[in-house]
Amino acid sequence: MTEDARLYAPSAARNREPILNVLRTYLPQRGLVLEIASGSGEHVTFFAAASPAELVFQPTDLDEAARASTDAWTAELGLANIRPAIPLDAASDVWPVERADVVVCINMIHISPWDSAVGLVRGAARVLPPDGVLFLYGPYRRADVPTAPSNDEFDLDLKRRNPAWGLRDLEAVAAVAKENGFAPPVVVEMPSNNLCVIFRRTA
């Protein structure tokens, strides 16, 4: 009997369907979806299972256990439109994927250094064609919008764990996106004080 490599993230089970309800508006019928920081793999496998076979998903994660979990979920679900998970550092100037139609990143920006957020946007600009989509999900701070107390507490907890982590200002992320050829974001309110933030490449 082999060891089960699948990991379980309770939040993924709660939010994957609401995220998909927004994401499917931006997914093409065919092409490549690149997911950055796939974690347990529960999101990408859920999205792939709900998508046409011609839409292929490429999961990535720096953590070997996370990649093994994603591959184990893919095998368990018998999904043919997911490639094996590969390592990818969002902050790097060189990504192992040269082109994608959509880049998806869920709950990474606040649990990584700011350099990773900047690298994510720059990398997405490199691999996406004009009109391609960078789709983000997670908690953010917004100017003129009060931050939910639960998000304030979460931010403090993140910074206690790592001073380089923490909720990002949406305006700061949007400014980096603008510098890299993306239009202003479409922002969709989500449960539990999270946001879907969608940037479309214009140049």
N, C-alpha and C. Protein backbone atom coordinates (compact mmCIF):
# COMPACT_ATOMS: atom_id res chain seq x y z
N MET A 1 0.85 -1.20 0.00
CA MET A 1 0.00 0.00 0.00
C MET A 1 0.88 1.24 0.00
N THR A 2 0.64 2.14 -0.94
CA THR A 2 1.45 3.34 -1.04
C THR A 2 0.86 4.46 -0.19
N GLU A 3 1.74 5.37 0.25
CA GLU A 3 1.31 6.49 1.06
C GLU A 3 0.51 7.48 0.21
N ASP A 4 -0.57 7.99 0.76
CA ASP A 4 -1.39 8.97 0.05
C ASP A 4 -0.73 10.34 0.18
N ALA A 5 -0.32 10.91 -0.94
CA ALA A 5 0.38 12.21 -0.92
C ALA A 5 -0.57 13.39 -0.92
N ARG A 6 -1.86 13.14 -1.01
CA ARG A 6 -2.82 14.25 -1.09
C ARG A 6 -2.85 15.06 0.21
N LEU A 7 -2.82 16.37 0.05
CA LEU A 7 -2.98 17.30 1.17
C LEU A 7 -4.39 17.88 1.12
N TYR A 8 -4.85 18.33 2.26
CA TYR A 8 -6.21 18.89 2.36
C TYR A 8 -6.15 20.28 2.98
N ALA A 9 -6.74 21.25 2.32
CA ALA A 9 -6.84 22.61 2.84
C ALA A 9 -8.32 22.92 3.04
N PRO A 10 -8.78 23.02 4.29
CA PRO A 10 -10.22 23.25 4.53
C PRO A 10 -10.76 24.47 3.80
N SER A 11 -9.95 25.52 3.69
CA SER A 11 -10.44 26.73 3.01
C SER A 11 -10.68 26.48 1.53
N ALA A 12 -9.89 25.59 0.93
CA ALA A 12 -10.07 25.29 -0.50
C ALA A 12 -11.43 24.66 -0.75
N ALA A 13 -11.84 23.76 0.14
CA ALA A 13 -13.15 23.13 -0.02
C ALA A 13 -14.28 24.14 0.10
N ARG A 14 -14.06 25.19 0.90
CA ARG A 14 -15.09 26.21 1.08
C ARG A 14 -15.15 27.21 -0.06
N ASN A 15 -13.99 27.58 -0.58
CA ASN A 15 -14.01 28.71 -1.52
C ASN A 15 -13.85 28.34 -2.99
N ARG A 16 -13.58 27.06 -3.27
CA ARG A 16 -13.29 26.71 -4.67
C ARG A 16 -14.49 26.92 -5.59
N GLU A 17 -15.69 26.63 -5.11
CA GLU A 17 -16.86 26.82 -5.97
C GLU A 17 -17.16 28.29 -6.20
N PRO A 18 -17.18 29.16 -5.16
CA PRO A 18 -17.37 30.59 -5.42
C PRO A 18 -16.30 31.17 -6.34
N ILE A 19 -15.04 30.72 -6.18
CA ILE A 19 -13.99 31.22 -7.07
C ILE A 19 -14.26 30.77 -8.50
N LEU A 20 -14.59 29.52 -8.69
CA LEU A 20 -14.87 29.02 -10.05
C LEU A 20 -16.02 29.77 -10.69
N ASN A 21 -17.02 30.13 -9.92
CA ASN A 21 -18.16 30.86 -10.49
C ASN A 21 -17.73 32.18 -11.11
N VAL A 22 -16.68 32.80 -10.55
CA VAL A 22 -16.14 34.04 -11.13
C VAL A 22 -15.13 33.71 -12.23
N LEU A 23 -14.25 32.76 -11.96
CA LEU A 23 -13.17 32.44 -12.89
C LEU A 23 -13.68 31.97 -14.24
N ARG A 24 -14.75 31.18 -14.25
CA ARG A 24 -15.22 30.60 -15.52
C ARG A 24 -15.60 31.68 -16.54
N THR A 25 -15.92 32.88 -16.08
CA THR A 25 -16.20 33.99 -17.00
C THR A 25 -14.97 34.34 -17.83
N TYR A 26 -13.79 34.07 -17.29
CA TYR A 26 -12.54 34.49 -17.93
C TYR A 26 -11.77 33.34 -18.56
N LEU A 27 -12.26 32.12 -18.43
CA LEU A 27 -11.56 30.97 -19.00
C LEU A 27 -11.96 30.75 -20.46
N PRO A 28 -10.98 30.55 -21.34
CA PRO A 28 -11.31 30.21 -22.72
C PRO A 28 -11.76 28.75 -22.83
N GLN A 29 -12.25 28.37 -23.97
CA GLN A 29 -12.65 26.98 -24.19
C GLN A 29 -11.46 26.07 -24.41
N ARG A 30 -10.36 26.63 -24.87
CA ARG A 30 -9.14 25.86 -25.08
C ARG A 30 -7.94 26.76 -24.79
N GLY A 31 -6.79 26.14 -24.58
CA GLY A 31 -5.58 26.90 -24.27
C GLY A 31 -4.94 26.40 -23.00
N LEU A 32 -4.13 27.26 -22.36
CA LEU A 32 -3.38 26.87 -21.17
C LEU A 32 -3.65 27.84 -20.02
N VAL A 33 -4.00 27.28 -18.87
CA VAL A 33 -4.15 28.04 -17.64
C VAL A 33 -2.98 27.71 -16.74
N LEU A 34 -2.20 28.70 -16.39
CA LEU A 34 -1.04 28.53 -15.51
C LEU A 34 -1.42 28.96 -14.10
N GLU A 35 -1.35 28.02 -13.15
CA GLU A 35 -1.63 28.37 -11.76
C GLU A 35 -0.31 28.51 -11.00
N ILE A 36 -0.16 29.65 -10.33
CA ILE A 36 1.01 29.91 -9.52
C ILE A 36 0.69 29.56 -8.06
N ALA A 37 1.59 28.84 -7.41
CA ALA A 37 1.43 28.46 -6.01
C ALA A 37 0.16 27.62 -5.82
N SER A 38 0.16 26.43 -6.38
CA SER A 38 -1.03 25.57 -6.39
C SER A 38 -1.35 24.98 -5.02
N GLY A 39 -0.38 24.98 -4.10
CA GLY A 39 -0.66 24.44 -2.77
C GLY A 39 -1.06 22.98 -2.82
N SER A 40 -2.15 22.63 -2.16
CA SER A 40 -2.59 21.24 -2.10
C SER A 40 -3.04 20.69 -3.45
N GLY A 41 -3.37 21.59 -4.38
CA GLY A 41 -3.87 21.15 -5.69
C GLY A 41 -5.37 21.02 -5.76
N GLU A 42 -6.06 21.32 -4.67
CA GLU A 42 -7.51 21.15 -4.65
C GLU A 42 -8.24 22.17 -5.52
N HIS A 43 -7.66 23.36 -5.66
CA HIS A 43 -8.30 24.35 -6.54
C HIS A 43 -8.14 23.96 -8.01
N VAL A 44 -6.89 23.73 -8.42
CA VAL A 44 -6.64 23.50 -9.84
C VAL A 44 -7.35 22.25 -10.35
N THR A 45 -7.42 21.21 -9.52
CA THR A 45 -8.10 20.00 -9.96
C THR A 45 -9.61 20.22 -10.05
N PHE A 46 -10.15 21.01 -9.15
CA PHE A 46 -11.58 21.33 -9.19
C PHE A 46 -11.90 22.14 -10.44
N PHE A 47 -11.04 23.11 -10.76
CA PHE A 47 -11.27 23.94 -11.95
C PHE A 47 -11.14 23.10 -13.22
N ALA A 48 -10.13 22.24 -13.26
CA ALA A 48 -9.92 21.42 -14.45
C ALA A 48 -11.06 20.45 -14.68
N ALA A 49 -11.58 19.88 -13.59
CA ALA A 49 -12.69 18.93 -13.72
C ALA A 49 -13.94 19.59 -14.28
N ALA A 50 -14.08 20.89 -14.07
CA ALA A 50 -15.26 21.62 -14.54
C ALA A 50 -15.04 22.27 -15.90
N SER A 51 -13.89 22.02 -16.53
CA SER A 51 -13.52 22.69 -17.77
C SER A 51 -13.48 21.71 -18.94
N PRO A 52 -13.56 22.25 -20.16
CA PRO A 52 -13.45 21.37 -21.34
C PRO A 52 -12.09 20.69 -21.39
N ALA A 53 -12.04 19.54 -22.01
CA ALA A 53 -10.79 18.78 -22.09
C ALA A 53 -9.71 19.53 -22.85
N GLU A 54 -10.12 20.46 -23.72
CA GLU A 54 -9.16 21.21 -24.53
C GLU A 54 -8.50 22.35 -23.74
N LEU A 55 -9.01 22.63 -22.54
CA LEU A 55 -8.41 23.65 -21.69
C LEU A 55 -7.48 22.94 -20.70
N VAL A 56 -6.19 23.17 -20.85
CA VAL A 56 -5.17 22.46 -20.09
C VAL A 56 -4.68 23.33 -18.94
N PHE A 57 -4.46 22.72 -17.78
CA PHE A 57 -4.00 23.43 -16.60
C PHE A 57 -2.58 23.00 -16.23
N GLN A 58 -1.75 24.00 -15.94
CA GLN A 58 -0.37 23.74 -15.50
C GLN A 58 -0.20 24.21 -14.06
N PRO A 59 -0.23 23.30 -13.09
CA PRO A 59 0.00 23.69 -11.70
C PRO A 59 1.48 23.88 -11.41
N THR A 60 1.78 24.76 -10.46
CA THR A 60 3.16 24.99 -10.04
C THR A 60 3.20 25.21 -8.53
N ASP A 61 4.34 24.91 -7.94
CA ASP A 61 4.58 25.25 -6.54
C ASP A 61 6.05 25.01 -6.25
N LEU A 62 6.62 25.84 -5.38
CA LEU A 62 8.01 25.64 -4.99
C LEU A 62 8.17 24.47 -4.03
N ASP A 63 7.10 24.12 -3.32
CA ASP A 63 7.15 23.08 -2.31
C ASP A 63 6.95 21.69 -2.94
N GLU A 64 7.88 20.80 -2.68
CA GLU A 64 7.81 19.46 -3.29
C GLU A 64 6.58 18.69 -2.82
N ALA A 65 6.23 18.82 -1.54
CA ALA A 65 5.06 18.11 -1.02
C ALA A 65 3.78 18.63 -1.66
N ALA A 66 3.73 19.92 -1.94
CA ALA A 66 2.56 20.49 -2.60
C ALA A 66 2.44 19.96 -4.02
N ARG A 67 3.56 19.88 -4.72
CA ARG A 67 3.52 19.34 -6.08
C ARG A 67 3.08 17.88 -6.08
N ALA A 68 3.59 17.11 -5.11
CA ALA A 68 3.19 15.71 -5.01
C ALA A 68 1.70 15.59 -4.71
N SER A 69 1.18 16.48 -3.87
CA SER A 69 -0.24 16.47 -3.55
C SER A 69 -1.08 16.77 -4.79
N THR A 70 -0.68 17.78 -5.55
CA THR A 70 -1.42 18.13 -6.76
C THR A 70 -1.44 16.96 -7.74
N ASP A 71 -0.30 16.33 -7.93
CA ASP A 71 -0.23 15.19 -8.85
C ASP A 71 -1.08 14.02 -8.33
N ALA A 72 -1.10 13.83 -7.01
CA ALA A 72 -1.91 12.75 -6.43
C ALA A 72 -3.40 13.02 -6.61
N TRP A 73 -3.82 14.27 -6.41
CA TRP A 73 -5.22 14.63 -6.65
C TRP A 73 -5.59 14.42 -8.12
N THR A 74 -4.67 14.81 -9.02
CA THR A 74 -4.92 14.64 -10.45
C THR A 74 -5.13 13.17 -10.80
N ALA A 75 -4.27 12.32 -10.24
CA ALA A 75 -4.38 10.87 -10.50
C ALA A 75 -5.66 10.31 -9.90
N GLU A 76 -5.97 10.71 -8.68
CA GLU A 76 -7.15 10.21 -8.00
C GLU A 76 -8.42 10.54 -8.77
N LEU A 77 -8.45 11.75 -9.35
CA LEU A 77 -9.65 12.21 -10.07
C LEU A 77 -9.63 11.81 -11.54
N GLY A 78 -8.52 11.25 -12.00
CA GLY A 78 -8.43 10.80 -13.39
C GLY A 78 -8.52 11.92 -14.40
N LEU A 79 -7.89 13.04 -14.09
CA LEU A 79 -7.99 14.22 -14.97
C LEU A 79 -6.88 14.21 -16.02
N ALA A 80 -7.29 14.31 -17.27
CA ALA A 80 -6.32 14.28 -18.37
C ALA A 80 -5.90 15.67 -18.81
N ASN A 81 -6.58 16.72 -18.32
CA ASN A 81 -6.25 18.08 -18.77
C ASN A 81 -5.46 18.86 -17.74
N ILE A 82 -4.69 18.13 -16.91
CA ILE A 82 -3.75 18.76 -15.97
C ILE A 82 -2.36 18.17 -16.21
N ARG A 83 -1.40 19.05 -16.40
CA ARG A 83 -0.01 18.60 -16.55
C ARG A 83 0.58 18.32 -15.18
N PRO A 84 1.65 17.55 -15.10
CA PRO A 84 2.33 17.35 -13.82
C PRO A 84 2.78 18.69 -13.24
N ALA A 85 2.67 18.82 -11.92
CA ALA A 85 3.07 20.06 -11.25
C ALA A 85 4.58 20.26 -11.37
N ILE A 86 4.97 21.52 -11.55
CA ILE A 86 6.38 21.85 -11.72
C ILE A 86 6.76 22.97 -10.74
N PRO A 87 8.05 23.08 -10.39
CA PRO A 87 8.48 24.19 -9.54
C PRO A 87 8.50 25.50 -10.32
N LEU A 88 8.05 26.57 -9.69
CA LEU A 88 8.10 27.90 -10.29
C LEU A 88 8.20 28.92 -9.16
N ASP A 89 9.18 29.80 -9.26
CA ASP A 89 9.36 30.89 -8.31
C ASP A 89 8.78 32.15 -8.92
N ALA A 90 7.69 32.65 -8.35
CA ALA A 90 7.02 33.82 -8.92
C ALA A 90 7.94 35.02 -9.02
N ALA A 91 8.89 35.15 -8.08
CA ALA A 91 9.77 36.31 -8.06
C ALA A 91 10.87 36.24 -9.12
N SER A 92 11.05 35.08 -9.73
CA SER A 92 12.13 34.90 -10.70
C SER A 92 11.83 35.62 -12.02
N ASP A 93 12.90 36.07 -12.66
CA ASP A 93 12.76 36.69 -13.98
C ASP A 93 12.63 35.65 -15.09
N VAL A 94 12.81 34.39 -14.76
CA VAL A 94 12.70 33.31 -15.74
C VAL A 94 11.71 32.28 -15.20
N TRP A 95 10.64 32.06 -15.95
CA TRP A 95 9.65 31.05 -15.59
C TRP A 95 9.79 29.85 -16.52
N PRO A 96 9.48 28.64 -16.05
CA PRO A 96 9.58 27.46 -16.90
C PRO A 96 8.44 27.32 -17.91
N VAL A 97 7.50 28.25 -17.89
CA VAL A 97 6.40 28.29 -18.86
C VAL A 97 6.51 29.60 -19.63
N GLU A 98 6.53 29.51 -20.94
CA GLU A 98 6.77 30.71 -21.75
C GLU A 98 5.50 31.38 -22.22
N ARG A 99 4.38 30.66 -22.21
CA ARG A 99 3.13 31.25 -22.68
C ARG A 99 1.95 30.61 -21.98
N ALA A 100 0.96 31.43 -21.64
CA ALA A 100 -0.29 30.93 -21.06
C ALA A 100 -1.41 31.88 -21.47
N ASP A 101 -2.62 31.38 -21.50
CA ASP A 101 -3.77 32.21 -21.85
C ASP A 101 -4.38 32.90 -20.62
N VAL A 102 -4.24 32.24 -19.47
CA VAL A 102 -4.71 32.78 -18.19
C VAL A 102 -3.69 32.41 -17.12
N VAL A 103 -3.40 33.34 -16.22
CA VAL A 103 -2.57 33.06 -15.05
C VAL A 103 -3.45 33.22 -13.81
N VAL A 104 -3.49 32.18 -12.98
CA VAL A 104 -4.31 32.18 -11.77
C VAL A 104 -3.40 32.08 -10.55
N CYS A 105 -3.69 32.89 -9.53
CA CYS A 105 -2.92 32.83 -8.29
C CYS A 105 -3.88 33.06 -7.12
N ILE A 106 -3.99 32.06 -6.27
CA ILE A 106 -4.94 32.09 -5.16
C ILE A 106 -4.18 32.09 -3.84
N ASN A 107 -4.45 33.10 -3.02
CA ASN A 107 -3.92 33.15 -1.65
C ASN A 107 -2.41 33.01 -1.57
N MET A 108 -1.69 33.71 -2.44
CA MET A 108 -0.23 33.71 -2.35
C MET A 108 0.32 35.05 -1.94
N ILE A 109 -0.24 36.13 -2.47
CA ILE A 109 0.39 37.44 -2.35
C ILE A 109 0.59 37.85 -0.89
N HIS A 110 -0.33 37.49 -0.01
CA HIS A 110 -0.21 37.92 1.38
C HIS A 110 0.68 37.00 2.22
N ILE A 111 1.02 35.82 1.70
CA ILE A 111 1.89 34.92 2.45
C ILE A 111 3.21 34.70 1.71
N SER A 112 3.71 35.79 1.11
CA SER A 112 5.00 35.79 0.46
C SER A 112 5.53 37.23 0.48
N PRO A 113 6.82 37.42 0.30
CA PRO A 113 7.36 38.78 0.27
C PRO A 113 6.79 39.59 -0.88
N TRP A 114 6.84 40.89 -0.76
CA TRP A 114 6.33 41.78 -1.79
C TRP A 114 7.00 41.51 -3.13
N ASP A 115 8.29 41.13 -3.11
CA ASP A 115 9.00 40.82 -4.36
C ASP A 115 8.29 39.72 -5.15
N SER A 116 7.65 38.82 -4.45
CA SER A 116 6.93 37.74 -5.15
C SER A 116 5.69 38.28 -5.85
N ALA A 117 5.00 39.23 -5.22
CA ALA A 117 3.84 39.85 -5.86
C ALA A 117 4.25 40.61 -7.11
N VAL A 118 5.34 41.37 -6.99
CA VAL A 118 5.84 42.11 -8.15
C VAL A 118 6.27 41.14 -9.25
N GLY A 119 6.99 40.08 -8.86
CA GLY A 119 7.42 39.10 -9.84
C GLY A 119 6.27 38.38 -10.50
N LEU A 120 5.21 38.13 -9.72
CA LEU A 120 4.02 37.49 -10.28
C LEU A 120 3.43 38.33 -11.41
N VAL A 121 3.28 39.62 -11.17
CA VAL A 121 2.70 40.50 -12.18
C VAL A 121 3.62 40.60 -13.39
N ARG A 122 4.89 40.76 -13.15
CA ARG A 122 5.85 40.87 -14.26
C ARG A 122 5.89 39.57 -15.07
N GLY A 123 5.88 38.44 -14.37
CA GLY A 123 5.90 37.17 -15.06
C GLY A 123 4.64 36.95 -15.88
N ALA A 124 3.50 37.33 -15.31
CA ALA A 124 2.24 37.20 -16.05
C ALA A 124 2.27 38.05 -17.31
N ALA A 125 2.85 39.24 -17.20
CA ALA A 125 2.95 40.11 -18.38
C ALA A 125 3.83 39.47 -19.46
N ARG A 126 4.84 38.71 -19.04
CA ARG A 126 5.71 38.05 -20.02
C ARG A 126 5.01 36.92 -20.74
N VAL A 127 4.20 36.14 -20.03
CA VAL A 127 3.66 34.91 -20.63
C VAL A 127 2.28 35.10 -21.26
N LEU A 128 1.56 36.14 -20.87
CA LEU A 128 0.20 36.33 -21.38
C LEU A 128 0.21 37.08 -22.71
N PRO A 129 -0.70 36.72 -23.62
CA PRO A 129 -0.87 37.49 -24.85
C PRO A 129 -1.69 38.74 -24.56
N PRO A 130 -1.75 39.68 -25.51
CA PRO A 130 -2.68 40.79 -25.35
C PRO A 130 -4.09 40.26 -25.09
N ASP A 131 -4.77 40.86 -24.15
CA ASP A 131 -6.11 40.47 -23.72
C ASP A 131 -6.09 39.26 -22.77
N GLY A 132 -4.89 38.72 -22.46
CA GLY A 132 -4.79 37.63 -21.50
C GLY A 132 -5.12 38.11 -20.10
N VAL A 133 -5.47 37.17 -19.22
CA VAL A 133 -6.01 37.50 -17.89
C VAL A 133 -5.09 37.01 -16.77
N LEU A 134 -4.84 37.90 -15.82
CA LEU A 134 -4.22 37.54 -14.54
C LEU A 134 -5.33 37.58 -13.50
N PHE A 135 -5.61 36.43 -12.90
CA PHE A 135 -6.73 36.27 -11.98
C PHE A 135 -6.18 36.01 -10.58
N LEU A 136 -6.46 36.91 -9.66
CA LEU A 136 -5.98 36.81 -8.28
C LEU A 136 -7.16 36.63 -7.33
N TYR A 137 -6.90 35.94 -6.22
CA TYR A 137 -7.91 35.79 -5.17
C TYR A 137 -7.23 35.88 -3.82
N GLY A 138 -7.88 36.57 -2.89
CA GLY A 138 -7.37 36.65 -1.53
C GLY A 138 -7.85 37.90 -0.84
N PRO A 139 -7.36 38.16 0.38
CA PRO A 139 -7.73 39.36 1.11
C PRO A 139 -6.80 40.53 0.74
N TYR A 140 -7.36 41.71 0.68
CA TYR A 140 -6.59 42.92 0.38
C TYR A 140 -7.08 44.07 1.24
N ARG A 141 -6.20 45.05 1.39
CA ARG A 141 -6.63 46.35 1.91
C ARG A 141 -6.98 47.24 0.73
N ARG A 142 -7.99 48.09 0.92
CA ARG A 142 -8.39 49.02 -0.14
C ARG A 142 -8.57 50.41 0.44
N ALA A 143 -8.11 51.41 -0.28
CA ALA A 143 -8.29 52.79 0.14
C ALA A 143 -9.79 53.10 0.20
N ASP A 144 -10.20 53.78 1.24
CA ASP A 144 -11.58 54.23 1.41
C ASP A 144 -12.57 53.09 1.66
N VAL A 145 -12.05 51.87 1.89
CA VAL A 145 -12.92 50.74 2.25
C VAL A 145 -12.41 50.20 3.59
N PRO A 146 -13.22 50.28 4.65
CA PRO A 146 -12.75 49.78 5.95
C PRO A 146 -12.36 48.30 5.88
N THR A 147 -11.24 47.99 6.49
CA THR A 147 -10.78 46.60 6.53
C THR A 147 -11.57 45.85 7.60
N ALA A 148 -12.06 44.67 7.25
CA ALA A 148 -12.81 43.87 8.21
C ALA A 148 -11.92 43.52 9.41
N PRO A 149 -12.47 43.55 10.62
CA PRO A 149 -11.67 43.20 11.80
C PRO A 149 -10.97 41.85 11.67
N SER A 150 -11.63 40.89 11.06
CA SER A 150 -11.01 39.56 10.90
C SER A 150 -9.79 39.64 10.00
N ASN A 151 -9.82 40.51 9.00
CA ASN A 151 -8.66 40.68 8.13
C ASN A 151 -7.53 41.42 8.83
N ASP A 152 -7.88 42.38 9.69
CA ASP A 152 -6.86 43.06 10.49
C ASP A 152 -6.14 42.06 11.39
N GLU A 153 -6.91 41.18 12.01
CA GLU A 153 -6.32 40.16 12.89
C GLU A 153 -5.46 39.19 12.09
N PHE A 154 -5.94 38.83 10.91
CA PHE A 154 -5.18 37.93 10.03
C PHE A 154 -3.87 38.58 9.63
N ASP A 155 -3.90 39.86 9.30
CA ASP A 155 -2.71 40.60 8.90
C ASP A 155 -1.67 40.60 10.03
N LEU A 156 -2.11 40.85 11.24
CA LEU A 156 -1.20 40.84 12.39
C LEU A 156 -0.59 39.46 12.60
N ASP A 157 -1.41 38.43 12.44
CA ASP A 157 -0.91 37.06 12.60
C ASP A 157 0.13 36.73 11.54
N LEU A 158 -0.13 37.14 10.31
CA LEU A 158 0.83 36.90 9.23
C LEU A 158 2.16 37.58 9.53
N LYS A 159 2.11 38.83 9.98
CA LYS A 159 3.35 39.57 10.24
C LYS A 159 4.10 39.03 11.44
N ARG A 160 3.38 38.43 12.39
CA ARG A 160 4.06 37.77 13.51
C ARG A 160 4.81 36.53 13.01
N ARG A 161 4.21 35.84 12.05
CA ARG A 161 4.84 34.64 11.50
C ARG A 161 6.02 34.98 10.61
N ASN A 162 5.89 36.07 9.85
CA ASN A 162 6.96 36.51 8.96
C ASN A 162 6.75 38.00 8.67
N PRO A 163 7.69 38.86 9.08
CA PRO A 163 7.51 40.30 8.87
C PRO A 163 7.37 40.70 7.41
N ALA A 164 7.80 39.84 6.49
CA ALA A 164 7.69 40.16 5.06
C ALA A 164 6.31 39.83 4.49
N TRP A 165 5.46 39.17 5.31
CA TRP A 165 4.12 38.82 4.87
C TRP A 165 3.13 39.89 5.28
N GLY A 166 1.90 39.75 4.83
CA GLY A 166 0.84 40.65 5.24
C GLY A 166 -0.08 41.02 4.10
N LEU A 167 -1.27 41.50 4.45
CA LEU A 167 -2.23 41.94 3.44
C LEU A 167 -1.63 43.08 2.62
N ARG A 168 -1.86 43.04 1.31
CA ARG A 168 -1.32 44.07 0.42
C ARG A 168 -2.41 45.09 0.09
N ASP A 169 -1.95 46.30 -0.17
CA ASP A 169 -2.87 47.33 -0.65
C ASP A 169 -3.21 47.03 -2.10
N LEU A 170 -4.49 46.93 -2.40
CA LEU A 170 -4.90 46.63 -3.77
C LEU A 170 -4.38 47.69 -4.73
N GLU A 171 -4.34 48.93 -4.29
CA GLU A 171 -3.87 50.02 -5.15
C GLU A 171 -2.39 49.84 -5.52
N ALA A 172 -1.60 49.27 -4.59
CA ALA A 172 -0.19 49.03 -4.88
C ALA A 172 -0.03 47.92 -5.92
N VAL A 173 -0.85 46.88 -5.78
CA VAL A 173 -0.81 45.79 -6.77
C VAL A 173 -1.26 46.31 -8.14
N ALA A 174 -2.31 47.13 -8.15
CA ALA A 174 -2.81 47.69 -9.41
C ALA A 174 -1.78 48.59 -10.06
N ALA A 175 -1.01 49.31 -9.25
CA ALA A 175 0.03 50.19 -9.81
C ALA A 175 1.11 49.37 -10.50
N VAL A 176 1.52 48.26 -9.89
CA VAL A 176 2.51 47.38 -10.52
C VAL A 176 1.93 46.80 -11.81
N ALA A 177 0.65 46.42 -11.77
CA ALA A 177 0.02 45.87 -12.96
C ALA A 177 -0.02 46.90 -14.09
N LYS A 178 -0.34 48.14 -13.75
CA LYS A 178 -0.38 49.19 -14.78
C LYS A 178 0.99 49.39 -15.41
N GLU A 179 2.03 49.36 -14.57
CA GLU A 179 3.40 49.51 -15.09
C GLU A 179 3.78 48.39 -16.05
N ASN A 180 3.10 47.27 -15.93
CA ASN A 180 3.44 46.10 -16.75
C ASN A 180 2.39 45.81 -17.83
N GLY A 181 1.60 46.80 -18.16
CA GLY A 181 0.72 46.67 -19.32
C GLY A 181 -0.63 46.07 -19.06
N PHE A 182 -1.13 46.16 -17.83
CA PHE A 182 -2.46 45.65 -17.52
C PHE A 182 -3.44 46.81 -17.30
N ALA A 183 -4.69 46.56 -17.66
CA ALA A 183 -5.76 47.52 -17.43
C ALA A 183 -6.11 47.56 -15.94
N PRO A 184 -6.84 48.58 -15.49
CA PRO A 184 -7.32 48.60 -14.10
C PRO A 184 -8.12 47.33 -13.80
N PRO A 185 -8.09 46.88 -12.56
CA PRO A 185 -8.70 45.59 -12.25
C PRO A 185 -10.21 45.62 -12.18
N VAL A 186 -10.79 44.48 -12.49
CA VAL A 186 -12.18 44.20 -12.13
C VAL A 186 -12.13 43.54 -10.76
N VAL A 187 -12.90 44.06 -9.81
CA VAL A 187 -12.87 43.56 -8.44
C VAL A 187 -14.23 42.98 -8.09
N VAL A 188 -14.22 41.74 -7.63
CA VAL A 188 -15.46 41.04 -7.27
C VAL A 188 -15.40 40.69 -5.79
N GLU A 189 -16.38 41.16 -5.03
CA GLU A 189 -16.47 40.83 -3.61
C GLU A 189 -16.79 39.35 -3.45
N MET A 190 -16.07 38.72 -2.51
CA MET A 190 -16.24 37.29 -2.27
C MET A 190 -16.56 37.04 -0.80
N PRO A 191 -17.01 35.83 -0.47
CA PRO A 191 -17.29 35.51 0.94
C PRO A 191 -16.04 35.65 1.82
N SER A 192 -16.26 35.83 3.10
CA SER A 192 -15.19 35.89 4.11
C SER A 192 -14.20 37.02 3.85
N ASN A 193 -14.71 38.14 3.30
CA ASN A 193 -13.90 39.35 3.12
C ASN A 193 -12.71 39.16 2.18
N ASN A 194 -12.89 38.29 1.19
CA ASN A 194 -11.89 38.12 0.15
C ASN A 194 -12.35 38.79 -1.13
N LEU A 195 -11.42 38.90 -2.07
CA LEU A 195 -11.71 39.52 -3.36
C LEU A 195 -11.18 38.64 -4.49
N CYS A 196 -11.90 38.62 -5.60
CA CYS A 196 -11.32 38.22 -6.87
C CYS A 196 -10.90 39.50 -7.58
N VAL A 197 -9.66 39.53 -8.02
CA VAL A 197 -9.10 40.71 -8.69
C VAL A 197 -8.62 40.27 -10.06
N ILE A 198 -9.19 40.84 -11.10
CA ILE A 198 -8.91 40.37 -12.46
C ILE A 198 -8.27 41.50 -13.26
N PHE A 199 -7.05 41.24 -13.73
CA PHE A 199 -6.32 42.17 -14.58
C PHE A 199 -6.26 41.62 -16.00
N ARG A 200 -6.54 42.48 -16.96
CA ARG A 200 -6.46 42.06 -18.36
C ARG A 200 -5.29 42.79 -19.04
N ARG A 201 -4.46 42.04 -19.71
CA ARG A 201 -3.27 42.62 -20.35
C ARG A 201 -3.69 43.42 -21.58
N THR A 202 -3.19 44.62 -21.66
CA THR A 202 -3.54 45.50 -22.79
C THR A 202 -2.38 45.71 -23.74
N ALA A 203 -1.17 45.39 -23.33
CA ALA A 203 -0.01 45.64 -24.18
C ALA A 203 1.05 44.58 -23.95
